[in-house]
């Protein structure tokens, strides 16, 4: 049985791997970050491109890692989030992170 693109868009997968990489302007990136933030607040987020459609539903404690580095004019910021479905939540960790917009010198 074949499913057309409309059927695929209506029934996203909850398993699999979604990847997307490209160069974007800052305004577009801010939109993506807002959509991810809104998805965390709403309890689910949907990632779509022409051949992939995946829904993630974070609940409970979410693992978070941030890495920022700069070397010889090349900058990199990596954000990672991870969680397990159907696992009882642990207590939050005590370590805190501060992220400040602009020049915080």
C-alpha atoms as a PDB file:
ATOM      1  CA  UNK A   1       0.000   0.000   0.000  1.00  0.00           C
ATOM      2  CA  UNK A   2       1.368   3.401  -0.960  1.00  0.00           C
ATOM      3  CA  UNK A   3       0.746   6.559   0.958  1.00  0.00           C
ATOM      4  CA  UNK A   4       0.864   9.911  -0.740  1.00  0.00           C
ATOM      5  CA  UNK A   5       2.555  13.013   0.683  1.00  0.00           C
ATOM      6  CA  UNK A   6      -0.721  14.235   2.209  1.00  0.00           C
ATOM      7  CA  UNK A   7      -1.149  11.002   4.209  1.00  0.00           C
ATOM      8  CA  UNK A   8       2.487  11.149   5.336  1.00  0.00           C
ATOM      9  CA  UNK A   9       2.074  14.762   6.520  1.00  0.00           C
ATOM     10  CA  UNK A  10      -1.008  13.809   8.556  1.00  0.00           C
ATOM     11  CA  UNK A  11       0.666  10.843  10.286  1.00  0.00           C
ATOM     12  CA  UNK A  12       4.201  11.758  11.365  1.00  0.00           C
ATOM     13  CA  UNK A  13       6.518   9.150  12.796  1.00  0.00           C
ATOM     14  CA  UNK A  14       7.421   9.025  16.473  1.00  0.00           C
ATOM     15  CA  UNK A  15      10.518   6.912  15.789  1.00  0.00           C
ATOM     16  CA  UNK A  16      13.477   7.285  13.484  1.00  0.00           C
ATOM     17  CA  UNK A  17      16.137   9.874  12.836  1.00  0.00           C
ATOM     18  CA  UNK A  18      15.598  13.365  11.466  1.00  0.00           C
ATOM     19  CA  UNK A  19      18.572  15.417  10.279  1.00  0.00           C
ATOM     20  CA  UNK A  20      18.769  18.790   8.610  1.00  0.00           C
ATOM     21  CA  UNK A  21      21.812  20.979   8.070  1.00  0.00           C
ATOM     22  CA  UNK A  22      22.109  24.259   6.177  1.00  0.00           C
ATOM     23  CA  UNK A  23      23.364  27.832   6.429  1.00  0.00           C
ATOM     24  CA  UNK A  24      20.617  30.241   7.528  1.00  0.00           C
ATOM     25  CA  UNK A  25      20.399  33.925   8.430  1.00  0.00           C
ATOM     26  CA  UNK A  26      20.012  34.832  12.103  1.00  0.00           C
ATOM     27  CA  UNK A  27      16.326  35.809  11.713  1.00  0.00           C
ATOM     28  CA  UNK A  28      15.492  32.310  10.412  1.00  0.00           C
ATOM     29  CA  UNK A  29      17.495  30.680  13.224  1.00  0.00           C
ATOM     30  CA  UNK A  30      15.609  32.729  15.823  1.00  0.00           C
ATOM     31  CA  UNK A  31      12.372  31.390  14.329  1.00  0.00           C
ATOM     32  CA  UNK A  32      13.603  27.793  14.616  1.00  0.00           C
ATOM     33  CA  UNK A  33      14.690  28.340  18.230  1.00  0.00           C
ATOM     34  CA  UNK A  34      11.310  29.907  19.079  1.00  0.00           C
ATOM     35  CA  UNK A  35       9.516  26.932  17.515  1.00  0.00           C
ATOM     36  CA  UNK A  36      11.620  24.539  19.601  1.00  0.00           C
ATOM     37  CA  UNK A  37      10.914  26.580  22.754  1.00  0.00           C
ATOM     38  CA  UNK A  38       7.206  26.630  21.948  1.00  0.00           C
ATOM     39  CA  UNK A  39       7.354  22.862  21.351  1.00  0.00           C
ATOM     40  CA  UNK A  40       8.870  22.240  24.771  1.00  0.00           C
ATOM     41  CA  UNK A  41       6.139  24.399  26.341  1.00  0.00           C
ATOM     42  CA  UNK A  42       3.391  22.639  24.349  1.00  0.00           C
ATOM     43  CA  UNK A  43       4.739  19.158  25.067  1.00  0.00           C
ATOM     44  CA  UNK A  44       5.568  18.180  21.493  1.00  0.00           C
ATOM     45  CA  UNK A  45       7.401  19.408  18.425  1.00  0.00           C
ATOM     46  CA  UNK A  46       7.176  18.289  14.806  1.00  0.00           C
ATOM     47  CA  UNK A  47      10.179  18.254  12.472  1.00  0.00           C
ATOM     48  CA  UNK A  48       9.351  18.132   8.765  1.00  0.00           C
ATOM     49  CA  UNK A  49      11.187  18.250   5.479  1.00  0.00           C
ATOM     50  CA  UNK A  50      10.121  16.902   2.121  1.00  0.00           C
ATOM     51  CA  UNK A  51      10.958  13.247   2.837  1.00  0.00           C
ATOM     52  CA  UNK A  52      10.882  13.118   6.671  1.00  0.00           C
ATOM     53  CA  UNK A  53       8.300  13.877   9.335  1.00  0.00           C
ATOM     54  CA  UNK A  54       9.030  13.210  13.033  1.00  0.00           C
ATOM     55  CA  UNK A  55       7.245  14.228  16.249  1.00  0.00           C
ATOM     56  CA  UNK A  56       9.043  14.392  19.602  1.00  0.00           C
ATOM     57  CA  UNK A  57       7.176  14.747  22.901  1.00  0.00           C
ATOM     58  CA  UNK A  58       9.500  15.705  25.767  1.00  0.00           C
ATOM     59  CA  UNK A  59       8.154  15.088  29.266  1.00  0.00           C
ATOM     60  CA  UNK A  60       9.635  15.079  32.761  1.00  0.00           C
ATOM     61  CA  UNK A  61      13.284  15.975  33.150  1.00  0.00           C
ATOM     62  CA  UNK A  62      15.150  16.682  29.929  1.00  0.00           C
ATOM     63  CA  UNK A  63      18.925  16.319  29.756  1.00  0.00           C
ATOM     64  CA  UNK A  64      20.581  19.445  28.385  1.00  0.00           C
ATOM     65  CA  UNK A  65      24.115  20.116  27.159  1.00  0.00           C
ATOM     66  CA  UNK A  66      25.547  23.306  25.719  1.00  0.00           C
ATOM     67  CA  UNK A  67      28.970  23.750  24.145  1.00  0.00           C
ATOM     68  CA  UNK A  68      30.250  27.108  22.913  1.00  0.00           C
ATOM     69  CA  UNK A  69      33.695  27.620  21.443  1.00  0.00           C
ATOM     70  CA  UNK A  70      35.631  30.046  19.340  1.00  0.00           C
ATOM     71  CA  UNK A  71      38.995  29.600  17.681  1.00  0.00           C
ATOM     72  CA  UNK A  72      40.673  31.660  14.980  1.00  0.00           C
ATOM     73  CA  UNK A  73      37.446  33.383  13.949  1.00  0.00           C
ATOM     74  CA  UNK A  74      35.424  30.164  13.750  1.00  0.00           C
ATOM     75  CA  UNK A  75      32.567  30.011  16.229  1.00  0.00           C
ATOM     76  CA  UNK A  76      30.476  27.022  17.225  1.00  0.00           C
ATOM     77  CA  UNK A  77      27.426  26.616  19.441  1.00  0.00           C
ATOM     78  CA  UNK A  78      26.018  23.139  20.054  1.00  0.00           C
ATOM     79  CA  UNK A  79      22.798  22.481  21.956  1.00  0.00           C
ATOM     80  CA  UNK A  80      21.683  18.958  22.855  1.00  0.00           C
ATOM     81  CA  UNK A  81      18.521  17.770  24.561  1.00  0.00           C
ATOM     82  CA  UNK A  82      17.698  14.181  25.520  1.00  0.00           C
ATOM     83  CA  UNK A  83      15.017  12.327  27.443  1.00  0.00           C
ATOM     84  CA  UNK A  84      13.451   8.910  27.731  1.00  0.00           C
ATOM     85  CA  UNK A  85       9.815   8.117  27.260  1.00  0.00           C
ATOM     86  CA  UNK A  86       7.915   6.341  30.031  1.00  0.00           C
ATOM     87  CA  UNK A  87      10.652   6.772  32.655  1.00  0.00           C
ATOM     88  CA  UNK A  88      10.011   8.256  36.079  1.00  0.00           C
ATOM     89  CA  UNK A  89      11.563  11.690  36.505  1.00  0.00           C
ATOM     90  CA  UNK A  90      14.637  12.146  38.684  1.00  0.00           C
ATOM     91  CA  UNK A  91      15.371  15.201  40.767  1.00  0.00           C
ATOM     92  CA  UNK A  92      16.830  18.177  38.845  1.00  0.00           C
ATOM     93  CA  UNK A  93      20.587  18.690  39.180  1.00  0.00           C
ATOM     94  CA  UNK A  94      21.906  21.565  41.290  1.00  0.00           C
ATOM     95  CA  UNK A  95      24.348  23.043  38.742  1.00  0.00           C
ATOM     96  CA  UNK A  96      23.012  26.151  36.969  1.00  0.00           C
ATOM     97  CA  UNK A  97      23.754  27.866  33.665  1.00  0.00           C
ATOM     98  CA  UNK A  98      23.513  31.538  32.791  1.00  0.00           C
ATOM     99  CA  UNK A  99      23.096  32.652  29.163  1.00  0.00           C
ATOM    100  CA  UNK A 100      23.097  36.424  28.638  1.00  0.00           C
ATOM    101  CA  UNK A 101      22.271  38.095  25.302  1.00  0.00           C
ATOM    102  CA  UNK A 102      24.650  40.745  24.010  1.00  0.00           C
ATOM    103  CA  UNK A 103      28.105  41.676  25.272  1.00  0.00           C
ATOM    104  CA  UNK A 104      28.106  40.632  28.935  1.00  0.00           C
ATOM    105  CA  UNK A 105      31.652  41.699  29.814  1.00  0.00           C
END
